[in-house]
Amino acid sequence: MKSSLNASLVNDPFGDPGLLVQFLFQKRALLFDLGDISSLSNAELLKVSHVFVSHTHIDHFIGFDRLLRTVFGREKTLTFFGPENFIKNVEGKLAGFTWNLVDRYEESLTIKVVEVREDKLLKGTFRAIEKFQISAEEEVDFKDGIILDDPMCVVRAAVLEHRVPCLGFSLQENLHVNINKDRLESMGAVEGAWLNDLKQAVLEGNPDSYEVEIPFNKDGNLSFEKNTLGQLKEDLIDISNGQKIGYVVDTIYNEPNSKRIIELVKSADIFFCESPFLADEEVRGQERFHLTSHQAGTLAREAQVKKLQVFHFSRRHMAHRERFYMESENAFRGNLEINTLAEN
């Protein structure tokens, strides 16, 4: 499977959670969580178009100021997604600064905020030129968990439980639709804008009976013939699935949460899952509304993901980094036994 996405954790597994997803063939990136982002360069931050914040505890949201400072004064639109009360959280951040000089900037930053509730999405816009006063407030339906439907990917969210609502996310890259140039040449068809229209018809899920007009150059004369999308998919197009990425942090292991997580990250190519506690710390995990290494592995196995990447380890276990990986991988591979190891 070819992918145009590169996903990497912002910090080491003991640092603040965060995931940067870069589009390899575009100057664009998505950022999941906004904790300590000091490891990211300004060039990387300037690529960010959308930010997905699980919740606004300090280790997931303290980086807002750094990002704002980096993009301020530019003609750019940033879209933020977050849980219940997120619009007020962003409004409070922006209200903490004085904006009496914004009219001196020729370019103006726009911040769009989407607040994810159980049954609806609340939206608001903050523009630098308007001193970041909220405008364009609206309420829309929250359907099929989709919060971003983009030409490159679809991002879904699930509302999870962490004493406060906390969002889990999945990113599904769209199909890869490529024209086989050798087959195109053997057909004798002329390259042109119709090939982009053909790709779009596939991405939009048009029926196989959909007809496409194809230009041919025969003895110097341009002529057109129609063929069905189904036949062209068989003869001319190479289609492959895009990458799916799951991201879950700060949530408790219980039946309703587990069901939501499994549905959200089902069949992901890579699942980034928190694991603050070791396998024998289930009670502590329940008290703190966090997952253990064993629970992370169990969720990954039940969701049938291809690869598990645990992170967000408790710093009290700095000496046991490898144990997190071992325990989560054992559960992921089906070894359900929990061993208690003596602490050093």
C-alpha atoms as a PDB file:
ATOM      1  CA  MET A   1       0.000   0.000   0.000  1.00  0.00           C
ATOM      2  CA  LYS A   2       1.350   3.387  -1.009  1.00  0.00           C
ATOM      3  CA  SER A   3       0.566   6.338   1.226  1.00  0.00           C
ATOM      4  CA  SER A   4       0.975  10.070   0.878  1.00  0.00           C
ATOM      5  CA  LEU A   5       0.942  10.479   4.665  1.00  0.00           C
ATOM      6  CA  ASN A   6       3.757  10.400   7.203  1.00  0.00           C
ATOM      7  CA  ALA A   7       2.631  10.136  10.844  1.00  0.00           C
ATOM      8  CA  SER A   8       5.070  10.663  13.718  1.00  0.00           C
ATOM      9  CA  LEU A   9       4.789  11.348  17.438  1.00  0.00           C
ATOM     10  CA  VAL A  10       5.730  14.887  18.437  1.00  0.00           C
ATOM     11  CA  ASN A  11       7.589  13.813  21.589  1.00  0.00           C
ATOM     12  CA  ASP A  12       9.112  10.696  23.124  1.00  0.00           C
ATOM     13  CA  PRO A  13       6.621   8.382  24.889  1.00  0.00           C
ATOM     14  CA  PHE A  14       7.180  10.073  28.274  1.00  0.00           C
ATOM     15  CA  GLY A  15       6.508  13.576  26.885  1.00  0.00           C
ATOM     16  CA  ASP A  16       3.280  15.403  26.136  1.00  0.00           C
ATOM     17  CA  PRO A  17       1.066  13.536  23.649  1.00  0.00           C
ATOM     18  CA  GLY A  18       0.929  14.740  20.078  1.00  0.00           C
ATOM     19  CA  LEU A  19       0.921  13.380  16.544  1.00  0.00           C
ATOM     20  CA  LEU A  20       2.020  15.216  13.404  1.00  0.00           C
ATOM     21  CA  VAL A  21       0.639  13.872  10.117  1.00  0.00           C
ATOM     22  CA  GLN A  22       2.382  15.365   7.095  1.00  0.00           C
ATOM     23  CA  PHE A  23       1.206  15.136   3.485  1.00  0.00           C
ATOM     24  CA  LEU A  24       4.280  14.043   1.549  1.00  0.00           C
ATOM     25  CA  PHE A  25       3.424  15.802  -1.698  1.00  0.00           C
ATOM     26  CA  GLN A  26       1.923  18.967  -0.232  1.00  0.00           C
ATOM     27  CA  LYS A  27       3.169  21.672   2.110  1.00  0.00           C
ATOM     28  CA  ARG A  28       0.477  20.688   4.568  1.00  0.00           C
ATOM     29  CA  ALA A  29       0.119  18.838   7.869  1.00  0.00           C
ATOM     30  CA  LEU A  30      -2.457  17.875  10.490  1.00  0.00           C
ATOM     31  CA  LEU A  31      -1.714  18.032  14.213  1.00  0.00           C
ATOM     32  CA  PHE A  32      -3.378  15.817  16.799  1.00  0.00           C
ATOM     33  CA  ASP A  33      -3.161  17.354  20.287  1.00  0.00           C
ATOM     34  CA  LEU A  34      -1.404  20.537  21.197  1.00  0.00           C
ATOM     35  CA  GLY A  35       0.777  19.959  24.248  1.00  0.00           C
ATOM     36  CA  ASP A  36       4.497  20.731  24.327  1.00  0.00           C
ATOM     37  CA  ILE A  37       5.312  21.327  20.640  1.00  0.00           C
ATOM     38  CA  SER A  38       8.786  22.802  21.184  1.00  0.00           C
ATOM     39  CA  SER A  39      10.297  19.945  19.155  1.00  0.00           C
ATOM     40  CA  LEU A  40       8.451  21.121  16.029  1.00  0.00           C
ATOM     41  CA  SER A  41      10.078  23.748  13.833  1.00  0.00           C
ATOM     42  CA  ASN A  42       8.297  26.880  12.654  1.00  0.00           C
ATOM     43  CA  ALA A  43       8.413  25.437   9.128  1.00  0.00           C
ATOM     44  CA  GLU A  44       6.524  22.356  10.299  1.00  0.00           C
ATOM     45  CA  LEU A  45       3.964  24.406  12.227  1.00  0.00           C
ATOM     46  CA  LEU A  46       3.336  26.654   9.237  1.00  0.00           C
ATOM     47  CA  LYS A  47       2.236  23.578   7.280  1.00  0.00           C
ATOM     48  CA  VAL A  48      -0.520  22.799   9.803  1.00  0.00           C
ATOM     49  CA  SER A  49      -4.029  23.403   8.451  1.00  0.00           C
ATOM     50  CA  HIS A  50      -6.126  21.523  11.044  1.00  0.00           C
ATOM     51  CA  VAL A  51      -5.593  20.784  14.738  1.00  0.00           C
ATOM     52  CA  PHE A  52      -7.498  18.028  16.566  1.00  0.00           C
ATOM     53  CA  VAL A  53      -7.460  18.488  20.347  1.00  0.00           C
ATOM     54  CA  SER A  54      -8.599  15.518  22.425  1.00  0.00           C
ATOM     55  CA  HIS A  55      -9.325  17.714  25.478  1.00  0.00           C
ATOM     56  CA  THR A  56      -7.899  20.822  27.092  1.00  0.00           C
ATOM     57  CA  HIS A  57      -5.857  19.454  29.985  1.00  0.00           C
ATOM     58  CA  ILE A  58      -2.591  21.384  30.027  1.00  0.00           C
ATOM     59  CA  ASP A  59      -0.464  18.616  28.494  1.00  0.00           C
ATOM     60  CA  HIS A  60      -2.788  18.544  25.480  1.00  0.00           C
ATOM     61  CA  PHE A  61      -3.373  22.279  24.959  1.00  0.00           C
ATOM     62  CA  ILE A  62      -0.431  24.308  26.300  1.00  0.00           C
ATOM     63  CA  GLY A  63       1.014  24.529  22.780  1.00  0.00           C
ATOM     64  CA  PHE A  64      -1.811  26.753  21.546  1.00  0.00           C
ATOM     65  CA  ASP A  65       0.186  29.904  22.322  1.00  0.00           C
ATOM     66  CA  ARG A  66       3.281  28.674  20.454  1.00  0.00           C
ATOM     67  CA  LEU A  67       1.233  27.793  17.372  1.00  0.00           C
ATOM     68  CA  LEU A  68      -0.641  31.104  17.504  1.00  0.00           C
ATOM     69  CA  ARG A  69       2.631  33.051  17.777  1.00  0.00           C
ATOM     70  CA  THR A  70       4.052  31.202  14.774  1.00  0.00           C
ATOM     71  CA  VAL A  71       1.124  31.754  12.406  1.00  0.00           C
ATOM     72  CA  PHE A  72       0.002  35.224  13.553  1.00  0.00           C
ATOM     73  CA  GLY A  73       0.429  37.955  10.967  1.00  0.00           C
ATOM     74  CA  ARG A  74      -0.062  35.596   8.035  1.00  0.00           C
ATOM     75  CA  GLU A  75      -2.946  35.212   5.622  1.00  0.00           C
ATOM     76  CA  LYS A  76      -3.862  31.764   6.871  1.00  0.00           C
ATOM     77  CA  THR A  77      -6.865  29.840   8.111  1.00  0.00           C
ATOM     78  CA  LEU A  78      -6.430  27.347  10.934  1.00  0.00           C
ATOM     79  CA  THR A  79      -9.250  25.012  11.931  1.00  0.00           C
ATOM     80  CA  PHE A  80      -9.366  23.564  15.452  1.00  0.00           C
ATOM     81  CA  PHE A  81     -11.521  20.671  16.657  1.00  0.00           C
ATOM     82  CA  GLY A  82     -12.154  19.883  20.300  1.00  0.00           C
ATOM     83  CA  PRO A  83     -14.691  18.541  22.821  1.00  0.00           C
ATOM     84  CA  GLU A  84     -17.514  20.177  24.769  1.00  0.00           C
ATOM     85  CA  ASN A  85     -16.715  23.769  25.868  1.00  0.00           C
ATOM     86  CA  PHE A  86     -13.861  23.973  23.356  1.00  0.00           C
ATOM     87  CA  ILE A  87     -15.090  27.204  21.773  1.00  0.00           C
ATOM     88  CA  LYS A  88     -14.988  28.877  25.184  1.00  0.00           C
ATOM     89  CA  ASN A  89     -11.510  27.456  25.791  1.00  0.00           C
ATOM     90  CA  VAL A  90     -10.191  28.965  22.548  1.00  0.00           C
ATOM     91  CA  GLU A  91     -12.043  32.222  23.176  1.00  0.00           C
ATOM     92  CA  GLY A  92     -10.436  32.439  26.609  1.00  0.00           C
ATOM     93  CA  LYS A  93      -6.969  31.841  25.168  1.00  0.00           C
ATOM     94  CA  LEU A  94      -7.425  34.598  22.602  1.00  0.00           C
ATOM     95  CA  ALA A  95      -8.926  36.979  25.176  1.00  0.00           C
ATOM     96  CA  GLY A  96      -5.727  36.721  27.215  1.00  0.00           C
ATOM     97  CA  PHE A  97      -3.874  38.929  24.722  1.00  0.00           C
ATOM     98  CA  THR A  98      -4.286  42.571  23.687  1.00  0.00           C
ATOM     99  CA  TRP A  99      -5.090  43.019  20.000  1.00  0.00           C
ATOM    100  CA  ASN A 100      -5.054  46.800  19.519  1.00  0.00           C
ATOM    101  CA  LEU A 101      -2.368  46.620  16.804  1.00  0.00           C
ATOM    102  CA  VAL A 102      -3.969  44.061  14.481  1.00  0.00           C
ATOM    103  CA  ASP A 103      -4.932  46.743  11.950  1.00  0.00           C
ATOM    104  CA  ARG A 104      -1.229  47.249  11.194  1.00  0.00           C
ATOM    105  CA  TYR A 105      -0.936  43.814   9.663  1.00  0.00           C
ATOM    106  CA  GLU A 106      -1.667  43.540   5.945  1.00  0.00           C
ATOM    107  CA  GLU A 107      -2.440  39.824   6.285  1.00  0.00           C
ATOM    108  CA  SER A 108      -4.962  38.442   8.733  1.00  0.00           C
ATOM    109  CA  LEU A 109      -5.172  35.119  10.507  1.00  0.00           C
ATOM    110  CA  THR A 110      -8.539  33.335  10.702  1.00  0.00           C
ATOM    111  CA  ILE A 111      -9.222  30.689  13.335  1.00  0.00           C
ATOM    112  CA  LYS A 112     -12.194  28.379  12.855  1.00  0.00           C
ATOM    113  CA  VAL A 113     -13.280  26.298  15.826  1.00  0.00           C
ATOM    114  CA  VAL A 114     -15.447  23.181  15.769  1.00  0.00           C
ATOM    115  CA  GLU A 115     -16.795  21.867  19.070  1.00  0.00           C
ATOM    116  CA  VAL A 116     -17.734  18.186  18.947  1.00  0.00           C
ATOM    117  CA  ARG A 117     -20.749  17.142  21.008  1.00  0.00           C
ATOM    118  CA  GLU A 118     -22.463  13.756  21.151  1.00  0.00           C
ATOM    119  CA  ASP A 119     -25.115  14.708  18.596  1.00  0.00           C
ATOM    120  CA  LYS A 120     -23.998  17.963  16.961  1.00  0.00           C
ATOM    121  CA  LEU A 121     -21.108  20.186  15.958  1.00  0.00           C
ATOM    122  CA  LEU A 122     -20.915  23.789  17.136  1.00  0.00           C
ATOM    123  CA  LYS A 123     -18.872  26.189  15.025  1.00  0.00           C
ATOM    124  CA  GLY A 124     -17.422  29.640  15.540  1.00  0.00           C
ATOM    125  CA  THR A 125     -14.886  31.860  13.761  1.00  0.00           C
ATOM    126  CA  PHE A 126     -12.283  34.237  15.189  1.00  0.00           C
ATOM    127  CA  ARG A 127     -10.540  36.694  12.838  1.00  0.00           C
ATOM    128  CA  ALA A 128      -7.456  38.681  13.759  1.00  0.00           C
ATOM    129  CA  ILE A 129      -8.710  41.719  11.815  1.00  0.00           C
ATOM    130  CA  GLU A 130     -11.773  41.699  14.108  1.00  0.00           C
ATOM    131  CA  LYS A 131      -9.588  41.412  17.241  1.00  0.00           C
ATOM    132  CA  PHE A 132     -10.590  37.762  17.521  1.00  0.00           C
ATOM    133  CA  GLN A 133     -14.194  38.453  18.462  1.00  0.00           C
ATOM    134  CA  ILE A 134     -16.341  35.387  17.791  1.00  0.00           C
ATOM    135  CA  SER A 135     -18.520  35.400  14.681  1.00  0.00           C
ATOM    136  CA  ALA A 136     -20.265  33.077  12.223  1.00  0.00           C
ATOM    137  CA  GLU A 137     -21.619  30.843  14.983  1.00  0.00           C
ATOM    138  CA  GLU A 138     -23.661  27.885  13.787  1.00  0.00           C
ATOM    139  CA  GLU A 139     -24.807  24.408  14.719  1.00  0.00           C
ATOM    140  CA  VAL A 140     -24.698  21.452  12.327  1.00  0.00           C
ATOM    141  CA  ASP A 141     -25.491  17.762  12.519  1.00  0.00           C
ATOM    142  CA  PHE A 142     -22.771  15.313  13.585  1.00  0.00           C
ATOM    143  CA  LYS A 143     -23.168  12.386  11.156  1.00  0.00           C
ATOM    144  CA  ASP A 144     -21.252   9.101  11.055  1.00  0.00           C
ATOM    145  CA  GLY A 145     -18.587  10.551  13.339  1.00  0.00           C
ATOM    146  CA  ILE A 146     -17.212  12.692  10.483  1.00  0.00           C
ATOM    147  CA  ILE A 147     -15.679  16.022  11.508  1.00  0.00           C
ATOM    148  CA  LEU A 148     -13.522  16.629   8.413  1.00  0.00           C
ATOM    149  CA  ASP A 149     -14.294  15.467   4.879  1.00  0.00           C
ATOM    150  CA  ASP A 150     -11.315  16.561   2.832  1.00  0.00           C
ATOM    151  CA  PRO A 151     -10.178  15.790  -0.758  1.00  0.00           C
ATOM    152  CA  MET A 152      -7.245  13.907   0.779  1.00  0.00           C
ATOM    153  CA  CYS A 153      -8.816  12.225   3.812  1.00  0.00           C
ATOM    154  CA  VAL A 154     -11.726  11.827   6.207  1.00  0.00           C
ATOM    155  CA  VAL A 155     -11.284  12.404   9.946  1.00  0.00           C
ATOM    156  CA  ARG A 156     -13.747  10.932  12.412  1.00  0.00           C
ATOM    157  CA  ALA A 157     -14.123  11.544  16.150  1.00  0.00           C
ATOM    158  CA  ALA A 158     -15.669   9.648  19.046  1.00  0.00           C
ATOM    159  CA  VAL A 159     -16.549  11.206  22.402  1.00  0.00           C
ATOM    160  CA  LEU A 160     -14.769   9.187  25.103  1.00  0.00           C
ATOM    161  CA  GLU A 161     -14.722   9.368  28.900  1.00  0.00           C
ATOM    162  CA  HIS A 162     -11.946  10.985  30.949  1.00  0.00           C
ATOM    163  CA  ARG A 163     -13.982  12.562  33.748  1.00  0.00           C
ATOM    164  CA  VAL A 164     -14.435  15.230  31.075  1.00  0.00           C
ATOM    165  CA  PRO A 165     -15.357  14.474  27.445  1.00  0.00           C
ATOM    166  CA  CYS A 166     -12.227  13.485  25.525  1.00  0.00           C
ATOM    167  CA  LEU A 167     -12.098  12.906  21.783  1.00  0.00           C
ATOM    168  CA  GLY A 168     -10.544   9.940  20.041  1.00  0.00           C
ATOM    169  CA  PHE A 169      -9.748  10.305  16.346  1.00  0.00           C
ATOM    170  CA  SER A 170      -9.264   8.265  13.197  1.00  0.00           C
ATOM    171  CA  LEU A 171      -7.930   9.483   9.878  1.00  0.00           C
ATOM    172  CA  GLN A 172      -8.790   7.584   6.705  1.00  0.00           C
ATOM    173  CA  GLU A 173      -6.775   8.539   3.651  1.00  0.00           C
ATOM    174  CA  ASN A 174      -8.844   8.509   0.463  1.00  0.00           C
ATOM    175  CA  LEU A 175      -8.351   5.925  -2.260  1.00  0.00           C
ATOM    176  CA  HIS A 176      -5.254   6.196  -4.408  1.00  0.00           C
ATOM    177  CA  VAL A 177      -6.393   6.396  -8.031  1.00  0.00           C
ATOM    178  CA  ASN A 178      -3.560   6.238 -10.572  1.00  0.00           C
ATOM    179  CA  ILE A 179      -3.640   6.143 -14.357  1.00  0.00           C
ATOM    180  CA  ASN A 180      -1.551   3.364 -15.851  1.00  0.00           C
ATOM    181  CA  LYS A 181       0.413   5.301 -18.502  1.00  0.00           C
ATOM    182  CA  ASP A 182       1.427   2.187 -20.457  1.00  0.00           C
ATOM    183  CA  ARG A 183      -2.206   1.115 -20.832  1.00  0.00           C
ATOM    184  CA  LEU A 184      -3.207   4.669 -21.735  1.00  0.00           C
ATOM    185  CA  GLU A 185      -0.608   4.706 -24.507  1.00  0.00           C
ATOM    186  CA  SER A 186      -1.656   1.299 -25.811  1.00  0.00           C
ATOM    187  CA  MET A 187      -5.268   2.514 -25.991  1.00  0.00           C
ATOM    188  CA  GLY A 188      -4.178   5.417 -28.150  1.00  0.00           C
ATOM    189  CA  ALA A 189      -6.076   7.868 -25.939  1.00  0.00           C
ATOM    190  CA  VAL A 190      -4.977  11.495 -25.626  1.00  0.00           C
ATOM    191  CA  GLU A 191      -3.905  12.772 -22.200  1.00  0.00           C
ATOM    192  CA  GLY A 192      -5.861  15.714 -20.844  1.00  0.00           C
ATOM    193  CA  ALA A 193      -8.233  17.093 -18.216  1.00  0.00           C
ATOM    194  CA  TRP A 194     -10.556  14.116 -18.762  1.00  0.00           C
ATOM    195  CA  LEU A 195      -8.148  11.949 -16.753  1.00  0.00           C
ATOM    196  CA  ASN A 196      -8.647  14.141 -13.666  1.00  0.00           C
ATOM    197  CA  ASP A 197     -12.403  13.925 -14.210  1.00  0.00           C
ATOM    198  CA  LEU A 198     -12.047  10.147 -14.451  1.00  0.00           C
ATOM    199  CA  LYS A 199     -10.155   9.986 -11.139  1.00  0.00           C
ATOM    200  CA  GLN A 200     -12.773  12.192  -9.493  1.00  0.00           C
ATOM    201  CA  ALA A 201     -15.577   9.936 -10.741  1.00  0.00           C
ATOM    202  CA  VAL A 202     -13.884   6.992  -9.028  1.00  0.00           C
ATOM    203  CA  LEU A 203     -13.318   8.918  -5.782  1.00  0.00           C
ATOM    204  CA  GLU A 204     -16.945  10.076  -5.743  1.00  0.00           C
ATOM    205  CA  GLY A 205     -18.140   6.480  -6.093  1.00  0.00           C
ATOM    206  CA  ASN A 206     -19.966   6.879  -9.389  1.00  0.00           C
ATOM    207  CA  PRO A 207     -21.579   3.634 -10.644  1.00  0.00           C
ATOM    208  CA  ASP A 208     -19.744   1.380 -13.080  1.00  0.00           C
ATOM    209  CA  SER A 209     -22.370   2.249 -15.710  1.00  0.00           C
ATOM    210  CA  TYR A 210     -21.296   5.923 -15.620  1.00  0.00           C
ATOM    211  CA  GLU A 211     -20.051   6.907 -19.091  1.00  0.00           C
ATOM    212  CA  VAL A 212     -16.784   8.730 -19.741  1.00  0.00           C
ATOM    213  CA  GLU A 213     -15.926  10.487 -22.989  1.00  0.00           C
ATOM    214  CA  ILE A 214     -12.395   9.656 -24.158  1.00  0.00           C
ATOM    215  CA  PRO A 215     -10.425  11.671 -26.762  1.00  0.00           C
ATOM    216  CA  PHE A 216      -8.444   9.766 -29.419  1.00  0.00           C
ATOM    217  CA  ASN A 217      -6.011  11.040 -32.006  1.00  0.00           C
ATOM    218  CA  LYS A 218      -6.529   8.999 -35.158  1.00  0.00           C
ATOM    219  CA  ASP A 219      -4.399   9.968 -38.151  1.00  0.00           C
ATOM    220  CA  GLY A 220      -4.126  13.502 -36.848  1.00  0.00           C
ATOM    221  CA  ASN A 221      -7.840  13.878 -36.298  1.00  0.00           C
ATOM    222  CA  LEU A 222      -9.337  14.205 -32.819  1.00  0.00           C
ATOM    223  CA  SER A 223     -12.319  11.968 -32.159  1.00  0.00           C
ATOM    224  CA  PHE A 224     -14.267  10.959 -29.053  1.00  0.00           C
ATOM    225  CA  GLU A 225     -15.589   7.627 -27.851  1.00  0.00           C
ATOM    226  CA  LYS A 226     -17.530   6.738 -24.727  1.00  0.00           C
ATOM    227  CA  ASN A 227     -16.689   3.955 -22.329  1.00  0.00           C
ATOM    228  CA  THR A 228     -18.083   2.912 -18.961  1.00  0.00           C
ATOM    229  CA  LEU A 229     -16.371   3.702 -15.699  1.00  0.00           C
ATOM    230  CA  GLY A 230     -16.408   0.001 -14.809  1.00  0.00           C
ATOM    231  CA  GLN A 231     -14.489  -0.921 -17.950  1.00  0.00           C
ATOM    232  CA  LEU A 232     -11.988   1.908 -17.459  1.00  0.00           C
ATOM    233  CA  LYS A 233     -11.359   0.827 -13.867  1.00  0.00           C
ATOM    234  CA  GLU A 234     -10.509  -2.598 -15.186  1.00  0.00           C
ATOM    235  CA  ASP A 235      -8.447  -1.484 -18.196  1.00  0.00           C
ATOM    236  CA  LEU A 236      -6.787   1.774 -17.222  1.00  0.00           C
ATOM    237  CA  ILE A 237      -6.862   2.563 -13.505  1.00  0.00           C
ATOM    238  CA  ASP A 238      -4.870   1.218 -10.565  1.00  0.00           C
ATOM    239  CA  ILE A 239      -6.807   1.656  -7.303  1.00  0.00           C
ATOM    240  CA  SER A 240      -5.395   1.080  -3.831  1.00  0.00           C
ATOM    241  CA  ASN A 241      -6.680   1.829  -0.357  1.00  0.00           C
ATOM    242  CA  GLY A 242      -5.284   4.766   1.567  1.00  0.00           C
ATOM    243  CA  GLN A 243      -3.756   4.560   5.022  1.00  0.00           C
ATOM    244  CA  LYS A 244      -5.893   4.582   8.180  1.00  0.00           C
ATOM    245  CA  ILE A 245      -4.501   6.058  11.401  1.00  0.00           C
ATOM    246  CA  GLY A 246      -6.084   5.829  14.860  1.00  0.00           C
ATOM    247  CA  TYR A 247      -5.272   8.155  17.785  1.00  0.00           C
ATOM    248  CA  VAL A 248      -6.653   7.641  21.317  1.00  0.00           C
ATOM    249  CA  VAL A 249      -5.459   9.229  24.560  1.00  0.00           C
ATOM    250  CA  ASP A 250      -6.662   9.808  28.127  1.00  0.00           C
ATOM    251  CA  THR A 251      -9.626   7.523  28.536  1.00  0.00           C
ATOM    252  CA  ILE A 252     -10.872   4.798  30.846  1.00  0.00           C
ATOM    253  CA  TYR A 253     -11.158   1.110  29.970  1.00  0.00           C
ATOM    254  CA  ASN A 254     -14.806   0.111  30.245  1.00  0.00           C
ATOM    255  CA  GLU A 255     -17.414  -1.467  27.988  1.00  0.00           C
ATOM    256  CA  PRO A 256     -18.938   1.643  26.355  1.00  0.00           C
ATOM    257  CA  ASN A 257     -15.551   3.293  25.827  1.00  0.00           C
ATOM    258  CA  SER A 258     -13.999   0.118  24.452  1.00  0.00           C
ATOM    259  CA  LYS A 259     -16.852  -0.303  21.990  1.00  0.00           C
ATOM    260  CA  ARG A 260     -16.432   3.240  20.718  1.00  0.00           C
ATOM    261  CA  ILE A 261     -12.655   2.947  20.409  1.00  0.00           C
ATOM    262  CA  ILE A 262     -12.832  -0.369  18.550  1.00  0.00           C
ATOM    263  CA  GLU A 263     -15.406   0.985  16.110  1.00  0.00           C
ATOM    264  CA  LEU A 264     -13.372   4.167  15.586  1.00  0.00           C
ATOM    265  CA  VAL A 265      -9.983   2.561  14.844  1.00  0.00           C
ATOM    266  CA  LYS A 266     -11.216  -0.692  13.250  1.00  0.00           C
ATOM    267  CA  SER A 267      -8.642  -2.096  10.788  1.00  0.00           C
ATOM    268  CA  ALA A 268      -6.311   0.879  11.153  1.00  0.00           C
ATOM    269  CA  ASP A 269      -2.882   0.502   9.590  1.00  0.00           C
ATOM    270  CA  ILE A 270      -1.381   2.082  12.703  1.00  0.00           C
ATOM    271  CA  PHE A 271      -3.037   2.783  16.051  1.00  0.00           C
ATOM    272  CA  PHE A 272      -1.416   5.367  18.321  1.00  0.00           C
ATOM    273  CA  CYS A 273      -2.768   4.553  21.781  1.00  0.00           C
ATOM    274  CA  GLU A 274      -1.948   5.938  25.193  1.00  0.00           C
ATOM    275  CA  SER A 275      -0.537   3.635  27.869  1.00  0.00           C
ATOM    276  CA  PRO A 276       0.321   5.606  31.013  1.00  0.00           C
ATOM    277  CA  PHE A 277       0.216   2.557  33.281  1.00  0.00           C
ATOM    278  CA  LEU A 278       1.695  -0.920  33.286  1.00  0.00           C
ATOM    279  CA  ALA A 279      -0.382  -4.066  32.939  1.00  0.00           C
ATOM    280  CA  ASP A 280      -0.648  -4.762  36.686  1.00  0.00           C
ATOM    281  CA  GLU A 281      -1.870  -1.208  37.443  1.00  0.00           C
ATOM    282  CA  GLU A 282      -5.475  -1.638  36.333  1.00  0.00           C
ATOM    283  CA  VAL A 283      -6.866  -0.201  39.582  1.00  0.00           C
ATOM    284  CA  ARG A 284      -4.683   2.887  39.260  1.00  0.00           C
ATOM    285  CA  GLY A 285      -5.743   3.216  35.622  1.00  0.00           C
ATOM    286  CA  GLN A 286      -9.419   3.096  36.567  1.00  0.00           C
ATOM    287  CA  GLU A 287      -8.887   5.721  39.266  1.00  0.00           C
ATOM    288  CA  ARG A 288      -7.071   8.049  36.859  1.00  0.00           C
ATOM    289  CA  PHE A 289      -9.263   7.286  33.821  1.00  0.00           C
ATOM    290  CA  HIS A 290      -6.294   6.041  31.789  1.00  0.00           C
ATOM    291  CA  LEU A 291      -5.340   2.832  29.976  1.00  0.00           C
ATOM    292  CA  THR A 292      -2.737   0.248  30.885  1.00  0.00           C
ATOM    293  CA  SER A 293      -0.310  -1.317  28.418  1.00  0.00           C
ATOM    294  CA  HIS A 294      -2.315  -4.552  28.437  1.00  0.00           C
ATOM    295  CA  GLN A 295      -5.593  -2.724  27.819  1.00  0.00           C
ATOM    296  CA  ALA A 296      -4.081  -0.792  24.897  1.00  0.00           C
ATOM    297  CA  GLY A 297      -2.922  -4.059  23.350  1.00  0.00           C
ATOM    298  CA  THR A 298      -6.305  -5.686  23.918  1.00  0.00           C
ATOM    299  CA  LEU A 299      -8.123  -2.800  22.181  1.00  0.00           C
ATOM    300  CA  ALA A 300      -5.704  -2.999  19.245  1.00  0.00           C
ATOM    301  CA  ARG A 301      -6.272  -6.749  18.905  1.00  0.00           C
ATOM    302  CA  GLU A 302     -10.052  -6.480  19.077  1.00  0.00           C
ATOM    303  CA  ALA A 303     -10.021  -3.630  16.545  1.00  0.00           C
ATOM    304  CA  GLN A 304      -7.858  -5.791  14.246  1.00  0.00           C
ATOM    305  CA  VAL A 305      -5.373  -3.011  13.603  1.00  0.00           C
ATOM    306  CA  LYS A 306      -2.181  -3.831  11.729  1.00  0.00           C
ATOM    307  CA  LYS A 307       0.300  -2.042  13.992  1.00  0.00           C
ATOM    308  CA  LEU A 308       0.130  -0.665  17.547  1.00  0.00           C
ATOM    309  CA  GLN A 309       2.229   2.262  18.779  1.00  0.00           C
ATOM    310  CA  VAL A 310       1.832   2.927  22.519  1.00  0.00           C
ATOM    311  CA  PHE A 311       2.921   6.229  24.087  1.00  0.00           C
ATOM    312  CA  HIS A 312       2.063   8.747  26.841  1.00  0.00           C
ATOM    313  CA  PHE A 313       3.866   6.648  29.477  1.00  0.00           C
ATOM    314  CA  SER A 314       3.793   7.755  33.114  1.00  0.00           C
ATOM    315  CA  ARG A 315       7.092   9.399  34.038  1.00  0.00           C
ATOM    316  CA  ARG A 316       7.147   7.414  37.273  1.00  0.00           C
ATOM    317  CA  HIS A 317       8.038   4.449  35.047  1.00  0.00           C
ATOM    318  CA  MET A 318      11.019   6.012  33.267  1.00  0.00           C
ATOM    319  CA  ALA A 319      13.065   2.895  34.021  1.00  0.00           C
ATOM    320  CA  HIS A 320      10.514   0.577  32.410  1.00  0.00           C
ATOM    321  CA  ARG A 321      10.137   1.870  28.859  1.00  0.00           C
ATOM    322  CA  GLU A 322      10.587  -1.551  27.259  1.00  0.00           C
ATOM    323  CA  ARG A 323       8.072  -3.142  29.593  1.00  0.00           C
ATOM    324  CA  PHE A 324       5.316  -0.926  28.134  1.00  0.00           C
ATOM    325  CA  TYR A 325       6.148  -2.132  24.637  1.00  0.00           C
ATOM    326  CA  MET A 326       6.438  -5.784  25.685  1.00  0.00           C
ATOM    327  CA  GLU A 327       3.165  -5.875  27.634  1.00  0.00           C
ATOM    328  CA  SER A 328       1.148  -4.059  24.990  1.00  0.00           C
ATOM    329  CA  GLU A 329       2.579  -6.217  22.200  1.00  0.00           C
ATOM    330  CA  ASN A 330       1.856  -9.430  24.125  1.00  0.00           C
ATOM    331  CA  ALA A 331      -1.789  -8.433  24.562  1.00  0.00           C
ATOM    332  CA  PHE A 332      -1.965  -7.318  20.938  1.00  0.00           C
ATOM    333  CA  ARG A 333      -0.701 -10.720  19.805  1.00  0.00           C
ATOM    334  CA  GLY A 334      -3.142 -12.590  22.025  1.00  0.00           C
ATOM    335  CA  ASN A 335      -1.135 -13.361  25.163  1.00  0.00           C
ATOM    336  CA  LEU A 336      -3.717 -12.371  27.765  1.00  0.00           C
ATOM    337  CA  GLU A 337      -1.702 -13.317  30.842  1.00  0.00           C
ATOM    338  CA  ILE A 338      -0.619 -10.387  33.020  1.00  0.00           C
ATOM    339  CA  ASN A 339       2.663 -10.805  34.826  1.00  0.00           C
ATOM    340  CA  THR A 340       3.564  -8.704  37.861  1.00  0.00           C
ATOM    341  CA  LEU A 341       7.211  -7.687  37.753  1.00  0.00           C
ATOM    342  CA  ALA A 342       9.022  -6.249  40.704  1.00  0.00           C
ATOM    343  CA  GLU A 343       9.747  -2.549  40.485  1.00  0.00           C
ATOM    344  CA  ASN A 344      13.403  -1.513  40.539  1.00  0.00           C
END
